[in-house]
Amino acid sequence: MKRFLIPLAVFGLLVAVLAAGLRHDPRRLPSALIGKPAPEFDLPRLDAANRTMSSHALRGQVWILNVWASWCEACRDEHAVLTDFAASGAAPVYGLNYRDERAPALQWLKAAGNPYVTSFVDRDGRTGIDYGVYGVPETFVIDRAGVVRYRQAGPLTRASIDGVIGPLVGKLQKENARD
């Protein structure tokens, strides 16, 4: 009888640990990058495969990095909000096209509208991994020194733009004006 109790106890412990992990919302997991330099990248552009752009070229400005994919339903949900924010001119919005195929990505942007200054192609997902991306969409606010100031996992909403991202971008832009 005792020899069955130990495996049963171990199984019960594993079930409890897994149940506790399933209760956590990955969008609430903090990013280890907040307050740290954004990972450097040099990636091909979605709109011009023969041209690359590096994160270093974005230094000196406050900018938004939105991780997206044409196959992502949640990206479609946030698209109108993201497009409105980009049109406001508060900060340039760049896309990181994550583990996607070029043709469907370009087709989707053509049909839905393109809010991005440009999108970078992260076909193998390595840059997304460097940023700690759990899934798409995710959005990062990066200051002019190249430091990640905010991360939102999951789709942008009007509330997240009006309540967090917009005010943070405004604050960072004012800090830039004083320097």
C-alpha atoms as a PDB file:
ATOM      1  CA  MET A   1       0.000   0.000   0.000  1.00  0.00           C
ATOM      2  CA  LYS A   2       2.828   2.419   0.894  1.00  0.00           C
ATOM      3  CA  ARG A   3       4.515   1.983  -2.459  1.00  0.00           C
ATOM      4  CA  PHE A   4       1.403   3.477  -4.126  1.00  0.00           C
ATOM      5  CA  LEU A   5       1.248   6.470  -1.787  1.00  0.00           C
ATOM      6  CA  ILE A   6       4.532   8.044  -2.884  1.00  0.00           C
ATOM      7  CA  PRO A   7       3.724   8.062  -6.636  1.00  0.00           C
ATOM      8  CA  LEU A   8       0.205   9.244  -5.820  1.00  0.00           C
ATOM      9  CA  ALA A   9       1.585  12.097  -3.681  1.00  0.00           C
ATOM     10  CA  VAL A  10       4.039  13.096  -6.428  1.00  0.00           C
ATOM     11  CA  PHE A  11       1.224  13.027  -8.996  1.00  0.00           C
ATOM     12  CA  GLY A  12      -0.965  15.157  -6.724  1.00  0.00           C
ATOM     13  CA  LEU A  13       1.844  17.681  -6.280  1.00  0.00           C
ATOM     14  CA  LEU A  14       2.371  17.894 -10.048  1.00  0.00           C
ATOM     15  CA  VAL A  15      -1.344  18.450 -10.619  1.00  0.00           C
ATOM     16  CA  ALA A  16      -1.362  21.236  -8.014  1.00  0.00           C
ATOM     17  CA  VAL A  17       1.660  22.963  -9.595  1.00  0.00           C
ATOM     18  CA  LEU A  18       0.174  22.741 -13.087  1.00  0.00           C
ATOM     19  CA  ALA A  19      -3.208  24.025 -11.878  1.00  0.00           C
ATOM     20  CA  ALA A  20      -1.523  27.004 -10.217  1.00  0.00           C
ATOM     21  CA  GLY A  21       0.378  27.774 -13.422  1.00  0.00           C
ATOM     22  CA  LEU A  22      -2.752  27.662 -15.551  1.00  0.00           C
ATOM     23  CA  ARG A  23      -4.403  30.321 -13.404  1.00  0.00           C
ATOM     24  CA  HIS A  24      -1.749  32.887 -14.329  1.00  0.00           C
ATOM     25  CA  ASP A  25      -2.504  35.248 -17.183  1.00  0.00           C
ATOM     26  CA  PRO A  26       0.632  35.535 -19.394  1.00  0.00           C
ATOM     27  CA  ARG A  27      -0.330  39.151 -20.150  1.00  0.00           C
ATOM     28  CA  ARG A  28       0.299  39.951 -16.497  1.00  0.00           C
ATOM     29  CA  LEU A  29       3.800  38.524 -16.471  1.00  0.00           C
ATOM     30  CA  PRO A  30       6.244  41.383 -16.099  1.00  0.00           C
ATOM     31  CA  SER A  31       8.853  41.909 -18.750  1.00  0.00           C
ATOM     32  CA  ALA A  32      12.446  41.523 -17.647  1.00  0.00           C
ATOM     33  CA  LEU A  33      13.301  44.272 -20.157  1.00  0.00           C
ATOM     34  CA  ILE A  34      11.490  47.151 -18.446  1.00  0.00           C
ATOM     35  CA  GLY A  35      14.135  49.766 -17.651  1.00  0.00           C
ATOM     36  CA  LYS A  36      16.777  47.932 -19.690  1.00  0.00           C
ATOM     37  CA  PRO A  37      18.123  48.511 -23.204  1.00  0.00           C
ATOM     38  CA  ALA A  38      15.933  47.073 -25.934  1.00  0.00           C
ATOM     39  CA  PRO A  39      17.597  44.166 -27.716  1.00  0.00           C
ATOM     40  CA  GLU A  40      19.488  45.238 -30.820  1.00  0.00           C
ATOM     41  CA  PHE A  41      18.396  43.929 -34.198  1.00  0.00           C
ATOM     42  CA  ASP A  42      19.225  44.345 -37.862  1.00  0.00           C
ATOM     43  CA  LEU A  43      16.376  42.840 -39.855  1.00  0.00           C
ATOM     44  CA  PRO A  44      15.011  42.889 -43.379  1.00  0.00           C
ATOM     45  CA  ARG A  45      12.091  45.172 -44.028  1.00  0.00           C
ATOM     46  CA  LEU A  46       8.774  43.592 -44.932  1.00  0.00           C
ATOM     47  CA  ASP A  47       8.153  46.065 -47.749  1.00  0.00           C
ATOM     48  CA  ALA A  48      11.656  45.731 -49.216  1.00  0.00           C
ATOM     49  CA  ALA A  49      13.286  42.349 -48.619  1.00  0.00           C
ATOM     50  CA  ASN A  50      16.624  43.530 -49.972  1.00  0.00           C
ATOM     51  CA  ARG A  51      16.828  46.377 -47.423  1.00  0.00           C
ATOM     52  CA  THR A  52      17.497  46.034 -43.721  1.00  0.00           C
ATOM     53  CA  MET A  53      17.031  48.372 -40.809  1.00  0.00           C
ATOM     54  CA  SER A  54      18.556  48.258 -37.371  1.00  0.00           C
ATOM     55  CA  SER A  55      17.182  49.249 -34.009  1.00  0.00           C
ATOM     56  CA  HIS A  56      20.214  51.501 -33.671  1.00  0.00           C
ATOM     57  CA  ALA A  57      18.752  53.716 -36.420  1.00  0.00           C
ATOM     58  CA  LEU A  58      15.748  54.383 -34.156  1.00  0.00           C
ATOM     59  CA  ARG A  59      17.785  55.876 -31.332  1.00  0.00           C
ATOM     60  CA  GLY A  60      17.031  59.473 -30.482  1.00  0.00           C
ATOM     61  CA  GLN A  61      13.258  59.116 -30.730  1.00  0.00           C
ATOM     62  CA  VAL A  62      10.472  57.617 -28.667  1.00  0.00           C
ATOM     63  CA  TRP A  63       9.017  54.729 -30.665  1.00  0.00           C
ATOM     64  CA  ILE A  64       6.563  51.880 -30.455  1.00  0.00           C
ATOM     65  CA  LEU A  65       7.334  48.293 -31.449  1.00  0.00           C
ATOM     66  CA  ASN A  66       4.231  46.233 -32.180  1.00  0.00           C
ATOM     67  CA  VAL A  67       4.767  42.497 -32.634  1.00  0.00           C
ATOM     68  CA  TRP A  68       2.191  41.099 -35.053  1.00  0.00           C
ATOM     69  CA  ALA A  69       1.442  38.402 -37.628  1.00  0.00           C
ATOM     70  CA  SER A  70      -1.104  37.991 -40.405  1.00  0.00           C
ATOM     71  CA  TRP A  71      -2.263  34.683 -38.898  1.00  0.00           C
ATOM     72  CA  CYS A  72      -2.964  36.308 -35.507  1.00  0.00           C
ATOM     73  CA  GLU A  73      -6.667  36.887 -34.745  1.00  0.00           C
ATOM     74  CA  ALA A  74      -5.908  39.125 -31.743  1.00  0.00           C
ATOM     75  CA  CYS A  75      -3.754  41.293 -34.031  1.00  0.00           C
ATOM     76  CA  ARG A  76      -6.818  41.832 -36.179  1.00  0.00           C
ATOM     77  CA  ASP A  77      -8.771  42.825 -33.063  1.00  0.00           C
ATOM     78  CA  GLU A  78      -6.258  45.534 -32.132  1.00  0.00           C
ATOM     79  CA  HIS A  79      -5.624  46.794 -35.652  1.00  0.00           C
ATOM     80  CA  ALA A  80      -8.143  49.674 -35.694  1.00  0.00           C
ATOM     81  CA  VAL A  81      -6.884  50.979 -32.338  1.00  0.00           C
ATOM     82  CA  LEU A  82      -3.266  50.693 -33.457  1.00  0.00           C
ATOM     83  CA  THR A  83      -4.046  52.449 -36.743  1.00  0.00           C
ATOM     84  CA  ASP A  84      -5.755  55.324 -34.902  1.00  0.00           C
ATOM     85  CA  PHE A  85      -2.805  55.657 -32.525  1.00  0.00           C
ATOM     86  CA  ALA A  86      -0.310  55.660 -35.401  1.00  0.00           C
ATOM     87  CA  ALA A  87      -2.358  58.312 -37.219  1.00  0.00           C
ATOM     88  CA  SER A  88      -2.260  60.537 -34.125  1.00  0.00           C
ATOM     89  CA  GLY A  89       1.479  61.033 -34.670  1.00  0.00           C
ATOM     90  CA  ALA A  90       2.221  60.658 -30.956  1.00  0.00           C
ATOM     91  CA  ALA A  91       5.135  58.347 -31.754  1.00  0.00           C
ATOM     92  CA  PRO A  92       6.242  56.347 -34.774  1.00  0.00           C
ATOM     93  CA  VAL A  93       4.963  52.781 -34.759  1.00  0.00           C
ATOM     94  CA  TYR A  94       7.174  50.020 -36.126  1.00  0.00           C
ATOM     95  CA  GLY A  95       6.059  46.449 -36.648  1.00  0.00           C
ATOM     96  CA  LEU A  96       7.867  43.226 -35.938  1.00  0.00           C
ATOM     97  CA  ASN A  97       6.280  40.679 -38.254  1.00  0.00           C
ATOM     98  CA  TYR A  98       6.690  37.564 -36.135  1.00  0.00           C
ATOM     99  CA  ARG A  99       7.081  34.077 -37.640  1.00  0.00           C
ATOM    100  CA  ASP A 100       5.031  34.963 -40.663  1.00  0.00           C
ATOM    101  CA  GLU A 101       5.262  34.577 -44.423  1.00  0.00           C
ATOM    102  CA  ARG A 102       5.993  37.736 -46.418  1.00  0.00           C
ATOM    103  CA  ALA A 103       3.168  37.420 -48.993  1.00  0.00           C
ATOM    104  CA  PRO A 104       0.277  36.948 -46.528  1.00  0.00           C
ATOM    105  CA  ALA A 105       1.687  39.695 -44.286  1.00  0.00           C
ATOM    106  CA  LEU A 106       1.863  42.192 -47.137  1.00  0.00           C
ATOM    107  CA  GLN A 107      -1.576  41.169 -48.359  1.00  0.00           C
ATOM    108  CA  TRP A 108      -3.081  41.612 -44.892  1.00  0.00           C
ATOM    109  CA  LEU A 109      -1.580  45.092 -44.495  1.00  0.00           C
ATOM    110  CA  LYS A 110      -2.810  46.074 -47.933  1.00  0.00           C
ATOM    111  CA  ALA A 111      -6.349  44.972 -47.080  1.00  0.00           C
ATOM    112  CA  ALA A 112      -6.511  46.230 -43.472  1.00  0.00           C
ATOM    113  CA  GLY A 113      -4.323  49.328 -43.738  1.00  0.00           C
ATOM    114  CA  ASN A 114      -0.731  49.758 -42.700  1.00  0.00           C
ATOM    115  CA  PRO A 115      -0.150  51.654 -39.438  1.00  0.00           C
ATOM    116  CA  TYR A 116       3.605  51.011 -39.445  1.00  0.00           C
ATOM    117  CA  VAL A 117       6.431  53.272 -40.531  1.00  0.00           C
ATOM    118  CA  THR A 118       7.891  49.936 -41.566  1.00  0.00           C
ATOM    119  CA  SER A 119       7.712  46.346 -40.408  1.00  0.00           C
ATOM    120  CA  PHE A 120      10.739  44.190 -39.789  1.00  0.00           C
ATOM    121  CA  VAL A 121      10.684  40.506 -40.736  1.00  0.00           C
ATOM    122  CA  ASP A 122      11.381  38.147 -37.828  1.00  0.00           C
ATOM    123  CA  ARG A 123      10.819  34.928 -39.758  1.00  0.00           C
ATOM    124  CA  ASP A 124      12.586  32.609 -37.311  1.00  0.00           C
ATOM    125  CA  GLY A 125      11.316  34.428 -34.194  1.00  0.00           C
ATOM    126  CA  ARG A 126      14.761  35.088 -32.719  1.00  0.00           C
ATOM    127  CA  THR A 127      14.221  38.820 -32.263  1.00  0.00           C
ATOM    128  CA  GLY A 128      10.859  38.114 -30.649  1.00  0.00           C
ATOM    129  CA  ILE A 129      12.589  35.732 -28.273  1.00  0.00           C
ATOM    130  CA  ASP A 130      15.167  38.418 -27.468  1.00  0.00           C
ATOM    131  CA  TYR A 131      12.282  40.722 -26.528  1.00  0.00           C
ATOM    132  CA  GLY A 132      10.693  38.002 -24.397  1.00  0.00           C
ATOM    133  CA  VAL A 133       7.602  37.742 -26.578  1.00  0.00           C
ATOM    134  CA  TYR A 134       5.128  35.201 -25.199  1.00  0.00           C
ATOM    135  CA  GLY A 135       2.761  35.494 -28.152  1.00  0.00           C
ATOM    136  CA  VAL A 136       1.357  38.014 -30.555  1.00  0.00           C
ATOM    137  CA  PRO A 137       0.377  40.747 -30.332  1.00  0.00           C
ATOM    138  CA  GLU A 138       2.740  42.446 -27.920  1.00  0.00           C
ATOM    139  CA  THR A 139       3.637  46.115 -27.845  1.00  0.00           C
ATOM    140  CA  PHE A 140       6.695  47.871 -26.436  1.00  0.00           C
ATOM    141  CA  VAL A 141       7.305  51.571 -25.756  1.00  0.00           C
ATOM    142  CA  ILE A 142      10.986  52.412 -26.217  1.00  0.00           C
ATOM    143  CA  ASP A 143      12.504  55.745 -25.234  1.00  0.00           C
ATOM    144  CA  ARG A 144      15.031  57.774 -27.177  1.00  0.00           C
ATOM    145  CA  ALA A 145      17.958  56.127 -25.373  1.00  0.00           C
ATOM    146  CA  GLY A 146      16.734  52.727 -26.554  1.00  0.00           C
ATOM    147  CA  VAL A 147      15.374  51.653 -23.163  1.00  0.00           C
ATOM    148  CA  VAL A 148      12.168  49.633 -22.909  1.00  0.00           C
ATOM    149  CA  ARG A 149       9.759  51.652 -20.796  1.00  0.00           C
ATOM    150  CA  TYR A 150       6.575  49.582 -21.143  1.00  0.00           C
ATOM    151  CA  ARG A 151       5.341  46.257 -22.493  1.00  0.00           C
ATOM    152  CA  GLN A 152       1.809  45.160 -23.155  1.00  0.00           C
ATOM    153  CA  ALA A 153       1.110  41.533 -23.917  1.00  0.00           C
ATOM    154  CA  GLY A 154      -2.116  41.007 -25.780  1.00  0.00           C
ATOM    155  CA  PRO A 155      -4.114  43.311 -28.004  1.00  0.00           C
ATOM    156  CA  LEU A 156      -4.084  47.058 -27.578  1.00  0.00           C
ATOM    157  CA  THR A 157      -7.381  48.585 -26.556  1.00  0.00           C
ATOM    158  CA  ARG A 158      -8.633  52.139 -26.485  1.00  0.00           C
ATOM    159  CA  ALA A 159      -8.340  51.951 -22.672  1.00  0.00           C
ATOM    160  CA  SER A 160      -4.681  50.831 -22.796  1.00  0.00           C
ATOM    161  CA  ILE A 161      -3.827  53.582 -25.290  1.00  0.00           C
ATOM    162  CA  ASP A 162      -5.685  56.318 -23.407  1.00  0.00           C
ATOM    163  CA  GLY A 163      -4.773  55.141 -19.925  1.00  0.00           C
ATOM    164  CA  VAL A 164      -1.170  53.981 -20.212  1.00  0.00           C
ATOM    165  CA  ILE A 165       0.586  54.155 -23.574  1.00  0.00           C
ATOM    166  CA  GLY A 166      -0.559  57.609 -24.683  1.00  0.00           C
ATOM    167  CA  PRO A 167       0.300  59.311 -21.372  1.00  0.00           C
ATOM    168  CA  LEU A 168       3.651  57.488 -21.176  1.00  0.00           C
ATOM    169  CA  VAL A 169       4.572  58.507 -24.727  1.00  0.00           C
ATOM    170  CA  GLY A 170       3.557  62.102 -23.944  1.00  0.00           C
ATOM    171  CA  LYS A 171       5.726  62.084 -20.829  1.00  0.00           C
ATOM    172  CA  LEU A 172       8.687  60.625 -22.716  1.00  0.00           C
ATOM    173  CA  GLN A 173       8.264  63.182 -25.515  1.00  0.00           C
ATOM    174  CA  LYS A 174       8.260  66.017 -22.959  1.00  0.00           C
ATOM    175  CA  GLU A 175      11.405  64.598 -21.369  1.00  0.00           C
ATOM    176  CA  ASN A 176      12.981  64.673 -24.823  1.00  0.00           C
ATOM    177  CA  ALA A 177      12.006  68.315 -25.297  1.00  0.00           C
ATOM    178  CA  ARG A 178      13.687  69.304 -21.995  1.00  0.00           C
ATOM    179  CA  ASP A 179      16.973  67.555 -22.773  1.00  0.00           C
END
